[in-house]
């Protein structure tokens, strides 16, 4: 079917735009700088940071990764962040999740300078998003989903949107983006979660259904209105005896059965994932532009 939203192609559009912005900054003597902080040796974090480093280099963004032992104290991590906050050569700071259990993630995110918070998790940036203040940074994954929808020509004004999941990383900011009284938003947004009665009934009303709850293949065909736009944010590892690793990755949407019902749908992988990195690097270029004013 030809109803796929190609996240890789749209991410490349954004990378091309970011590359031009980086080149313009360099013409003014400014090289955007991005610091990744990784605490411990989580294998997935190593892969994710490596992908971000590679794309940063391709776009001309200077990046460095600071790797701290898993036993690093919260105080030492905060001290490093304070040092980077004060260093003008770094325009963006990203603390890679997950963090060790003895470190409070919210405290860490709140310690990053809002002007360098290219992940969009600082309370000030969260507040600006809620208030519709475009001066703040938007979290990368929901920001990427929004770009997917807009660049795919999805009409959001007045649309019934259902967001599955109320997490701070995707669900809540996603709802905030789409309910703003602005162009490419102004949607009627319903957020469903573990306490919602009749989840399927809410989903069947949706013109746009965004699944971000972390439950493997939760969304079935009978939960989707024919012709709806379906965005799958989920990344779940499930057992698979036929795979070399013994597992495989699936989304929150049962793709094979939902695709024939949907008007547009993101594949997984190749849908939302590439957009997260694209938005991170776009945010970094913007942070450098703001610092260079």
C-alpha atoms as a PDB file:
ATOM      1  CA  UNK A   1       0.000   0.000   0.000  1.00  0.00           C
ATOM      2  CA  UNK A   2       1.067   3.600  -0.542  1.00  0.00           C
ATOM      3  CA  UNK A   3      -0.329   5.041   2.675  1.00  0.00           C
ATOM      4  CA  UNK A   4       2.998   5.080   4.543  1.00  0.00           C
ATOM      5  CA  UNK A   5       4.362   8.249   6.125  1.00  0.00           C
ATOM      6  CA  UNK A   6       8.091   8.049   5.372  1.00  0.00           C
ATOM      7  CA  UNK A   7       9.795   9.336   8.499  1.00  0.00           C
ATOM      8  CA  UNK A   8      13.257   8.854   7.048  1.00  0.00           C
ATOM      9  CA  UNK A   9      12.488  11.055   4.039  1.00  0.00           C
ATOM     10  CA  UNK A  10      10.881  13.788   6.137  1.00  0.00           C
ATOM     11  CA  UNK A  11      13.755  13.662   8.638  1.00  0.00           C
ATOM     12  CA  UNK A  12      16.155  14.144   5.735  1.00  0.00           C
ATOM     13  CA  UNK A  13      14.232  17.252   4.662  1.00  0.00           C
ATOM     14  CA  UNK A  14      14.750  18.676   8.144  1.00  0.00           C
ATOM     15  CA  UNK A  15      18.424  17.660   8.192  1.00  0.00           C
ATOM     16  CA  UNK A  16      18.937  19.501   4.897  1.00  0.00           C
ATOM     17  CA  UNK A  17      17.340  22.625   6.376  1.00  0.00           C
ATOM     18  CA  UNK A  18      19.435  22.293   9.540  1.00  0.00           C
ATOM     19  CA  UNK A  19      22.592  21.856   7.482  1.00  0.00           C
ATOM     20  CA  UNK A  20      21.915  25.164   5.739  1.00  0.00           C
ATOM     21  CA  UNK A  21      21.399  26.871   9.097  1.00  0.00           C
ATOM     22  CA  UNK A  22      24.652  25.406  10.427  1.00  0.00           C
ATOM     23  CA  UNK A  23      26.510  26.616   7.335  1.00  0.00           C
ATOM     24  CA  UNK A  24      25.077  30.095   7.835  1.00  0.00           C
ATOM     25  CA  UNK A  25      26.197  30.083  11.467  1.00  0.00           C
ATOM     26  CA  UNK A  26      29.708  29.014  10.479  1.00  0.00           C
ATOM     27  CA  UNK A  27      29.845  31.909   8.010  1.00  0.00           C
ATOM     28  CA  UNK A  28      29.396  34.104  11.090  1.00  0.00           C
ATOM     29  CA  UNK A  29      32.142  32.271  12.966  1.00  0.00           C
ATOM     30  CA  UNK A  30      29.765  30.183  15.113  1.00  0.00           C
ATOM     31  CA  UNK A  31      30.046  26.385  15.239  1.00  0.00           C
ATOM     32  CA  UNK A  32      27.031  24.826  16.971  1.00  0.00           C
ATOM     33  CA  UNK A  33      28.153  22.629  19.859  1.00  0.00           C
ATOM     34  CA  UNK A  34      26.217  19.757  21.413  1.00  0.00           C
ATOM     35  CA  UNK A  35      27.227  17.754  24.488  1.00  0.00           C
ATOM     36  CA  UNK A  36      25.839  14.310  25.223  1.00  0.00           C
ATOM     37  CA  UNK A  37      26.076  13.052  28.800  1.00  0.00           C
ATOM     38  CA  UNK A  38      25.776   9.325  29.314  1.00  0.00           C
ATOM     39  CA  UNK A  39      25.858   7.788  32.803  1.00  0.00           C
ATOM     40  CA  UNK A  40      26.708   4.095  32.764  1.00  0.00           C
ATOM     41  CA  UNK A  41      27.000   1.610  29.914  1.00  0.00           C
ATOM     42  CA  UNK A  42      23.403   0.912  28.931  1.00  0.00           C
ATOM     43  CA  UNK A  43      23.721  -0.747  25.484  1.00  0.00           C
ATOM     44  CA  UNK A  44      20.722   1.010  23.957  1.00  0.00           C
ATOM     45  CA  UNK A  45      21.987   4.397  25.183  1.00  0.00           C
ATOM     46  CA  UNK A  46      25.345   3.735  23.570  1.00  0.00           C
ATOM     47  CA  UNK A  47      23.631   3.055  20.244  1.00  0.00           C
ATOM     48  CA  UNK A  48      21.326   6.075  20.454  1.00  0.00           C
ATOM     49  CA  UNK A  49      24.103   8.490  21.353  1.00  0.00           C
ATOM     50  CA  UNK A  50      26.301   7.047  18.613  1.00  0.00           C
ATOM     51  CA  UNK A  51      23.591   7.703  16.020  1.00  0.00           C
ATOM     52  CA  UNK A  52      23.185  11.282  17.243  1.00  0.00           C
ATOM     53  CA  UNK A  53      26.939  11.872  17.142  1.00  0.00           C
ATOM     54  CA  UNK A  54      27.172  10.565  13.589  1.00  0.00           C
ATOM     55  CA  UNK A  55      24.373  12.761  12.274  1.00  0.00           C
ATOM     56  CA  UNK A  56      25.755  15.786  14.158  1.00  0.00           C
ATOM     57  CA  UNK A  57      29.079  15.353  12.352  1.00  0.00           C
ATOM     58  CA  UNK A  58      27.341  15.033   8.989  1.00  0.00           C
ATOM     59  CA  UNK A  59      25.600  18.372   9.531  1.00  0.00           C
ATOM     60  CA  UNK A  60      28.692  20.170  10.792  1.00  0.00           C
ATOM     61  CA  UNK A  61      27.624  20.298  14.444  1.00  0.00           C
ATOM     62  CA  UNK A  62      30.480  19.778  16.862  1.00  0.00           C
ATOM     63  CA  UNK A  63      29.557  17.138  19.416  1.00  0.00           C
ATOM     64  CA  UNK A  64      31.234  15.387  22.298  1.00  0.00           C
ATOM     65  CA  UNK A  65      30.053  12.646  24.655  1.00  0.00           C
ATOM     66  CA  UNK A  66      30.896  12.741  28.329  1.00  0.00           C
ATOM     67  CA  UNK A  67      30.630   9.212  29.732  1.00  0.00           C
ATOM     68  CA  UNK A  68      30.356   8.914  33.514  1.00  0.00           C
ATOM     69  CA  UNK A  69      30.506   5.714  35.583  1.00  0.00           C
ATOM     70  CA  UNK A  70      27.169   4.257  36.650  1.00  0.00           C
ATOM     71  CA  UNK A  71      28.125   4.920  40.277  1.00  0.00           C
ATOM     72  CA  UNK A  72      28.460   8.680  39.667  1.00  0.00           C
ATOM     73  CA  UNK A  73      26.616  10.657  42.328  1.00  0.00           C
ATOM     74  CA  UNK A  74      23.777  13.003  41.478  1.00  0.00           C
ATOM     75  CA  UNK A  75      25.838  15.882  42.897  1.00  0.00           C
ATOM     76  CA  UNK A  76      28.741  15.131  40.551  1.00  0.00           C
ATOM     77  CA  UNK A  77      26.439  14.925  37.549  1.00  0.00           C
ATOM     78  CA  UNK A  78      24.842  18.258  38.463  1.00  0.00           C
ATOM     79  CA  UNK A  79      28.309  19.796  38.862  1.00  0.00           C
ATOM     80  CA  UNK A  80      29.232  18.701  35.321  1.00  0.00           C
ATOM     81  CA  UNK A  81      26.015  20.165  33.959  1.00  0.00           C
ATOM     82  CA  UNK A  82      26.722  23.462  35.749  1.00  0.00           C
ATOM     83  CA  UNK A  83      30.159  23.550  34.137  1.00  0.00           C
ATOM     84  CA  UNK A  84      28.672  22.974  30.679  1.00  0.00           C
ATOM     85  CA  UNK A  85      25.919  25.537  31.294  1.00  0.00           C
ATOM     86  CA  UNK A  86      28.632  28.146  31.829  1.00  0.00           C
ATOM     87  CA  UNK A  87      30.737  27.158  28.790  1.00  0.00           C
ATOM     88  CA  UNK A  88      29.761  29.253  25.730  1.00  0.00           C
ATOM     89  CA  UNK A  89      31.193  26.766  23.217  1.00  0.00           C
ATOM     90  CA  UNK A  90      28.317  24.376  23.991  1.00  0.00           C
ATOM     91  CA  UNK A  91      24.876  25.440  22.780  1.00  0.00           C
ATOM     92  CA  UNK A  92      22.993  22.234  23.586  1.00  0.00           C
ATOM     93  CA  UNK A  93      23.167  19.715  26.430  1.00  0.00           C
ATOM     94  CA  UNK A  94      21.459  16.320  26.287  1.00  0.00           C
ATOM     95  CA  UNK A  95      21.440  13.950  29.254  1.00  0.00           C
ATOM     96  CA  UNK A  96      20.712  10.510  27.841  1.00  0.00           C
ATOM     97  CA  UNK A  97      18.038   8.460  29.572  1.00  0.00           C
ATOM     98  CA  UNK A  98      17.810   6.122  31.374  1.00  0.00           C
ATOM     99  CA  UNK A  99      19.789   7.333  34.360  1.00  0.00           C
ATOM    100  CA  UNK A 100      20.842   5.083  37.250  1.00  0.00           C
ATOM    101  CA  UNK A 101      18.138   4.676  39.888  1.00  0.00           C
ATOM    102  CA  UNK A 102      19.962   6.738  42.506  1.00  0.00           C
ATOM    103  CA  UNK A 103      19.807   9.837  40.270  1.00  0.00           C
ATOM    104  CA  UNK A 104      16.538  11.772  40.047  1.00  0.00           C
ATOM    105  CA  UNK A 105      15.792  12.410  36.386  1.00  0.00           C
ATOM    106  CA  UNK A 106      13.554  15.435  36.998  1.00  0.00           C
ATOM    107  CA  UNK A 107      16.240  17.128  39.103  1.00  0.00           C
ATOM    108  CA  UNK A 108      18.795  16.582  36.368  1.00  0.00           C
ATOM    109  CA  UNK A 109      16.590  17.921  33.580  1.00  0.00           C
ATOM    110  CA  UNK A 110      15.762  20.993  35.662  1.00  0.00           C
ATOM    111  CA  UNK A 111      19.481  21.699  36.118  1.00  0.00           C
ATOM    112  CA  UNK A 112      20.214  22.107  32.408  1.00  0.00           C
ATOM    113  CA  UNK A 113      20.092  25.773  31.390  1.00  0.00           C
ATOM    114  CA  UNK A 114      16.758  26.375  29.589  1.00  0.00           C
ATOM    115  CA  UNK A 115      18.633  28.041  26.699  1.00  0.00           C
ATOM    116  CA  UNK A 116      20.675  24.833  26.219  1.00  0.00           C
ATOM    117  CA  UNK A 117      17.836  22.392  26.903  1.00  0.00           C
ATOM    118  CA  UNK A 118      17.572  21.068  23.347  1.00  0.00           C
ATOM    119  CA  UNK A 119      15.646  18.046  24.654  1.00  0.00           C
ATOM    120  CA  UNK A 120      12.839  20.354  25.828  1.00  0.00           C
ATOM    121  CA  UNK A 121      12.482  18.849  29.316  1.00  0.00           C
ATOM    122  CA  UNK A 122      13.338  21.815  31.563  1.00  0.00           C
ATOM    123  CA  UNK A 123      10.254  22.985  33.531  1.00  0.00           C
ATOM    124  CA  UNK A 124      10.574  26.450  31.958  1.00  0.00           C
ATOM    125  CA  UNK A 125      10.395  25.019  28.442  1.00  0.00           C
ATOM    126  CA  UNK A 126       7.548  22.703  29.458  1.00  0.00           C
ATOM    127  CA  UNK A 127       5.686  25.726  30.810  1.00  0.00           C
ATOM    128  CA  UNK A 128       6.296  27.720  27.639  1.00  0.00           C
ATOM    129  CA  UNK A 129       4.861  24.870  25.583  1.00  0.00           C
ATOM    130  CA  UNK A 130       1.739  24.784  27.745  1.00  0.00           C
ATOM    131  CA  UNK A 131       1.335  28.554  27.383  1.00  0.00           C
ATOM    132  CA  UNK A 132       1.861  28.514  23.620  1.00  0.00           C
ATOM    133  CA  UNK A 133       5.114  30.499  23.891  1.00  0.00           C
ATOM    134  CA  UNK A 134       7.121  29.602  20.784  1.00  0.00           C
ATOM    135  CA  UNK A 135      10.324  30.863  22.419  1.00  0.00           C
ATOM    136  CA  UNK A 136      10.881  27.569  24.263  1.00  0.00           C
ATOM    137  CA  UNK A 137      12.241  24.255  23.035  1.00  0.00           C
ATOM    138  CA  UNK A 138       9.708  21.513  22.254  1.00  0.00           C
ATOM    139  CA  UNK A 139      10.578  17.913  23.204  1.00  0.00           C
ATOM    140  CA  UNK A 140      12.051  16.161  20.193  1.00  0.00           C
ATOM    141  CA  UNK A 141       9.749  13.165  19.747  1.00  0.00           C
ATOM    142  CA  UNK A 142       6.381  14.981  19.952  1.00  0.00           C
ATOM    143  CA  UNK A 143       7.890  17.824  17.956  1.00  0.00           C
ATOM    144  CA  UNK A 144       8.910  15.277  15.342  1.00  0.00           C
ATOM    145  CA  UNK A 145       5.429  13.744  15.265  1.00  0.00           C
ATOM    146  CA  UNK A 146       3.986  17.206  14.671  1.00  0.00           C
ATOM    147  CA  UNK A 147       6.371  17.757  11.762  1.00  0.00           C
ATOM    148  CA  UNK A 148       5.416  14.366  10.306  1.00  0.00           C
ATOM    149  CA  UNK A 149       1.751  15.353  10.375  1.00  0.00           C
ATOM    150  CA  UNK A 150       2.241  18.857   8.986  1.00  0.00           C
ATOM    151  CA  UNK A 151       4.646  17.831   6.220  1.00  0.00           C
ATOM    152  CA  UNK A 152       2.350  14.959   5.226  1.00  0.00           C
ATOM    153  CA  UNK A 153      -0.505  17.416   4.665  1.00  0.00           C
ATOM    154  CA  UNK A 154      -2.655  16.167   7.548  1.00  0.00           C
ATOM    155  CA  UNK A 155      -5.359  18.691   8.441  1.00  0.00           C
ATOM    156  CA  UNK A 156      -5.065  19.290  12.174  1.00  0.00           C
ATOM    157  CA  UNK A 157      -7.321  22.309  12.632  1.00  0.00           C
ATOM    158  CA  UNK A 158     -10.553  20.993  14.131  1.00  0.00           C
ATOM    159  CA  UNK A 159      -9.416  17.380  13.897  1.00  0.00           C
ATOM    160  CA  UNK A 160     -10.309  14.842  16.572  1.00  0.00           C
ATOM    161  CA  UNK A 161      -6.949  13.648  17.913  1.00  0.00           C
ATOM    162  CA  UNK A 162      -6.530  10.835  20.410  1.00  0.00           C
ATOM    163  CA  UNK A 163      -3.181  10.458  22.174  1.00  0.00           C
ATOM    164  CA  UNK A 164      -2.643   7.062  23.781  1.00  0.00           C
ATOM    165  CA  UNK A 165      -0.423   7.673  26.786  1.00  0.00           C
ATOM    166  CA  UNK A 166       0.084  10.511  29.255  1.00  0.00           C
ATOM    167  CA  UNK A 167       3.854  10.348  29.736  1.00  0.00           C
ATOM    168  CA  UNK A 168       5.960  13.463  30.220  1.00  0.00           C
ATOM    169  CA  UNK A 169       8.208  12.605  27.262  1.00  0.00           C
ATOM    170  CA  UNK A 170       5.539  12.183  24.549  1.00  0.00           C
ATOM    171  CA  UNK A 171       1.897  12.071  25.627  1.00  0.00           C
ATOM    172  CA  UNK A 172       1.504  15.295  27.592  1.00  0.00           C
ATOM    173  CA  UNK A 173       3.645  17.508  25.334  1.00  0.00           C
ATOM    174  CA  UNK A 174       2.012  15.988  22.245  1.00  0.00           C
ATOM    175  CA  UNK A 175      -1.403  16.987  23.517  1.00  0.00           C
ATOM    176  CA  UNK A 176      -0.125  20.478  24.348  1.00  0.00           C
ATOM    177  CA  UNK A 177       1.293  20.990  20.858  1.00  0.00           C
ATOM    178  CA  UNK A 178      -1.918  20.026  19.108  1.00  0.00           C
ATOM    179  CA  UNK A 179      -4.411  21.908  21.263  1.00  0.00           C
ATOM    180  CA  UNK A 180      -2.702  25.283  20.858  1.00  0.00           C
ATOM    181  CA  UNK A 181      -4.746  28.022  19.202  1.00  0.00           C
ATOM    182  CA  UNK A 182      -2.387  28.330  16.260  1.00  0.00           C
ATOM    183  CA  UNK A 183      -1.767  27.246  12.686  1.00  0.00           C
ATOM    184  CA  UNK A 184      -1.184  23.509  12.255  1.00  0.00           C
ATOM    185  CA  UNK A 185      -2.794  22.805  15.627  1.00  0.00           C
ATOM    186  CA  UNK A 186      -6.170  23.851  17.064  1.00  0.00           C
ATOM    187  CA  UNK A 187      -7.190  20.215  17.357  1.00  0.00           C
ATOM    188  CA  UNK A 188      -9.659  18.652  19.774  1.00  0.00           C
ATOM    189  CA  UNK A 189      -7.400  16.410  21.830  1.00  0.00           C
ATOM    190  CA  UNK A 190      -8.317  13.439  24.016  1.00  0.00           C
ATOM    191  CA  UNK A 191      -5.613  11.785  26.102  1.00  0.00           C
ATOM    192  CA  UNK A 192      -6.380   8.195  27.076  1.00  0.00           C
ATOM    193  CA  UNK A 193      -4.437   6.240  29.665  1.00  0.00           C
ATOM    194  CA  UNK A 194      -4.549   3.327  32.081  1.00  0.00           C
ATOM    195  CA  UNK A 195      -7.454   4.880  33.976  1.00  0.00           C
ATOM    196  CA  UNK A 196      -9.600   5.566  30.909  1.00  0.00           C
ATOM    197  CA  UNK A 197     -12.900   3.735  30.458  1.00  0.00           C
ATOM    198  CA  UNK A 198     -13.572   2.416  26.939  1.00  0.00           C
ATOM    199  CA  UNK A 199     -10.185   3.151  25.392  1.00  0.00           C
ATOM    200  CA  UNK A 200     -11.225   1.530  22.108  1.00  0.00           C
ATOM    201  CA  UNK A 201     -14.319   3.716  21.891  1.00  0.00           C
ATOM    202  CA  UNK A 202     -12.230   6.874  22.196  1.00  0.00           C
ATOM    203  CA  UNK A 203      -9.768   5.599  19.602  1.00  0.00           C
ATOM    204  CA  UNK A 204     -12.513   4.883  17.062  1.00  0.00           C
ATOM    205  CA  UNK A 205     -13.505   8.583  17.108  1.00  0.00           C
ATOM    206  CA  UNK A 206     -10.039   9.760  16.163  1.00  0.00           C
ATOM    207  CA  UNK A 207      -9.153  11.411  12.877  1.00  0.00           C
ATOM    208  CA  UNK A 208      -5.565  11.200  14.116  1.00  0.00           C
ATOM    209  CA  UNK A 209      -4.482   8.452  16.516  1.00  0.00           C
ATOM    210  CA  UNK A 210      -1.071   8.757  18.195  1.00  0.00           C
ATOM    211  CA  UNK A 211       0.046   5.653  20.099  1.00  0.00           C
ATOM    212  CA  UNK A 212       2.658   6.329  22.782  1.00  0.00           C
ATOM    213  CA  UNK A 213       1.862   4.057  25.696  1.00  0.00           C
ATOM    214  CA  UNK A 214       4.587   1.426  25.505  1.00  0.00           C
ATOM    215  CA  UNK A 215       2.355  -1.631  25.078  1.00  0.00           C
ATOM    216  CA  UNK A 216       3.351  -3.939  22.218  1.00  0.00           C
ATOM    217  CA  UNK A 217       0.858  -3.914  19.305  1.00  0.00           C
ATOM    218  CA  UNK A 218      -1.922  -2.575  21.518  1.00  0.00           C
ATOM    219  CA  UNK A 219      -3.804  -0.792  18.736  1.00  0.00           C
ATOM    220  CA  UNK A 220      -5.795  -3.278  16.650  1.00  0.00           C
ATOM    221  CA  UNK A 221      -7.717  -2.717  13.433  1.00  0.00           C
ATOM    222  CA  UNK A 222     -11.093  -2.585  15.189  1.00  0.00           C
ATOM    223  CA  UNK A 223      -9.868   0.381  17.258  1.00  0.00           C
ATOM    224  CA  UNK A 224      -9.182   2.552  14.213  1.00  0.00           C
ATOM    225  CA  UNK A 225     -11.673   4.626  12.250  1.00  0.00           C
ATOM    226  CA  UNK A 226     -11.351   3.861   8.521  1.00  0.00           C
ATOM    227  CA  UNK A 227      -9.184   6.517   6.903  1.00  0.00           C
ATOM    228  CA  UNK A 228      -7.666   7.757  10.163  1.00  0.00           C
ATOM    229  CA  UNK A 229      -4.029   8.831  10.428  1.00  0.00           C
ATOM    230  CA  UNK A 230      -2.130   6.487  12.753  1.00  0.00           C
ATOM    231  CA  UNK A 231       1.209   7.467  14.303  1.00  0.00           C
ATOM    232  CA  UNK A 232       3.128   4.740  16.147  1.00  0.00           C
ATOM    233  CA  UNK A 233       5.611   6.105  18.697  1.00  0.00           C
ATOM    234  CA  UNK A 234       6.122   2.846  20.577  1.00  0.00           C
ATOM    235  CA  UNK A 235       9.383   0.927  20.789  1.00  0.00           C
ATOM    236  CA  UNK A 236       8.911  -2.461  22.460  1.00  0.00           C
ATOM    237  CA  UNK A 237      11.085  -5.559  22.496  1.00  0.00           C
ATOM    238  CA  UNK A 238       9.167  -8.844  22.351  1.00  0.00           C
ATOM    239  CA  UNK A 239      10.313 -12.489  22.224  1.00  0.00           C
ATOM    240  CA  UNK A 240      10.883 -13.955  18.766  1.00  0.00           C
ATOM    241  CA  UNK A 241      12.422 -17.422  18.500  1.00  0.00           C
ATOM    242  CA  UNK A 242      13.096 -16.906  14.773  1.00  0.00           C
ATOM    243  CA  UNK A 243      15.317 -13.867  15.402  1.00  0.00           C
ATOM    244  CA  UNK A 244      19.041 -14.293  16.018  1.00  0.00           C
ATOM    245  CA  UNK A 245      18.820 -12.242  19.206  1.00  0.00           C
ATOM    246  CA  UNK A 246      15.693 -14.070  20.359  1.00  0.00           C
ATOM    247  CA  UNK A 247      13.715 -10.837  20.316  1.00  0.00           C
ATOM    248  CA  UNK A 248      12.376  -8.261  17.872  1.00  0.00           C
ATOM    249  CA  UNK A 249      11.200  -4.669  18.060  1.00  0.00           C
ATOM    250  CA  UNK A 250       7.551  -3.779  17.551  1.00  0.00           C
ATOM    251  CA  UNK A 251       5.515  -0.630  18.024  1.00  0.00           C
ATOM    252  CA  UNK A 252       2.327   0.089  19.922  1.00  0.00           C
ATOM    253  CA  UNK A 253       0.301  -0.549  16.743  1.00  0.00           C
ATOM    254  CA  UNK A 254      -0.409  -3.956  15.201  1.00  0.00           C
ATOM    255  CA  UNK A 255       0.881  -2.631  11.903  1.00  0.00           C
ATOM    256  CA  UNK A 256      -0.052  -5.451   9.518  1.00  0.00           C
ATOM    257  CA  UNK A 257      -3.732  -5.415  10.485  1.00  0.00           C
ATOM    258  CA  UNK A 258      -4.071  -1.634  10.973  1.00  0.00           C
ATOM    259  CA  UNK A 259      -2.399  -0.506   7.749  1.00  0.00           C
ATOM    260  CA  UNK A 260      -5.303  -1.565   5.461  1.00  0.00           C
ATOM    261  CA  UNK A 261      -7.734   0.442   7.620  1.00  0.00           C
ATOM    262  CA  UNK A 262      -5.670   3.602   8.035  1.00  0.00           C
ATOM    263  CA  UNK A 263      -5.597   6.526   5.659  1.00  0.00           C
ATOM    264  CA  UNK A 264      -1.961   7.217   6.558  1.00  0.00           C
ATOM    265  CA  UNK A 265       0.278   5.290   8.939  1.00  0.00           C
ATOM    266  CA  UNK A 266       3.876   5.407  10.126  1.00  0.00           C
ATOM    267  CA  UNK A 267       5.959   2.264   9.718  1.00  0.00           C
ATOM    268  CA  UNK A 268       7.983   1.066  12.682  1.00  0.00           C
ATOM    269  CA  UNK A 269      10.925   1.367  12.244  1.00  0.00           C
ATOM    270  CA  UNK A 270      11.257   4.197   9.749  1.00  0.00           C
ATOM    271  CA  UNK A 271       8.476   6.410  11.034  1.00  0.00           C
ATOM    272  CA  UNK A 272       8.836   8.470  14.199  1.00  0.00           C
ATOM    273  CA  UNK A 273      12.334   7.319  15.187  1.00  0.00           C
ATOM    274  CA  UNK A 274      14.359   9.298  12.610  1.00  0.00           C
ATOM    275  CA  UNK A 275      12.385  12.438  13.455  1.00  0.00           C
ATOM    276  CA  UNK A 276      13.617  12.532  17.049  1.00  0.00           C
ATOM    277  CA  UNK A 277      17.234  13.024  15.968  1.00  0.00           C
ATOM    278  CA  UNK A 278      16.181  15.502  13.275  1.00  0.00           C
ATOM    279  CA  UNK A 279      14.395  17.689  15.811  1.00  0.00           C
ATOM    280  CA  UNK A 280      17.264  17.454  18.308  1.00  0.00           C
ATOM    281  CA  UNK A 281      19.740  18.815  15.789  1.00  0.00           C
ATOM    282  CA  UNK A 282      17.300  21.462  14.570  1.00  0.00           C
ATOM    283  CA  UNK A 283      16.909  22.574  18.197  1.00  0.00           C
ATOM    284  CA  UNK A 284      20.707  22.701  18.546  1.00  0.00           C
ATOM    285  CA  UNK A 285      21.025  24.950  15.509  1.00  0.00           C
ATOM    286  CA  UNK A 286      18.321  27.179  16.947  1.00  0.00           C
ATOM    287  CA  UNK A 287      20.103  27.357  20.310  1.00  0.00           C
ATOM    288  CA  UNK A 288      23.299  28.440  18.540  1.00  0.00           C
ATOM    289  CA  UNK A 289      21.360  31.036  16.547  1.00  0.00           C
ATOM    290  CA  UNK A 290      19.879  32.460  19.754  1.00  0.00           C
ATOM    291  CA  UNK A 291      23.270  32.543  21.493  1.00  0.00           C
ATOM    292  CA  UNK A 292      24.835  34.316  18.513  1.00  0.00           C
ATOM    293  CA  UNK A 293      22.365  37.197  18.411  1.00  0.00           C
END
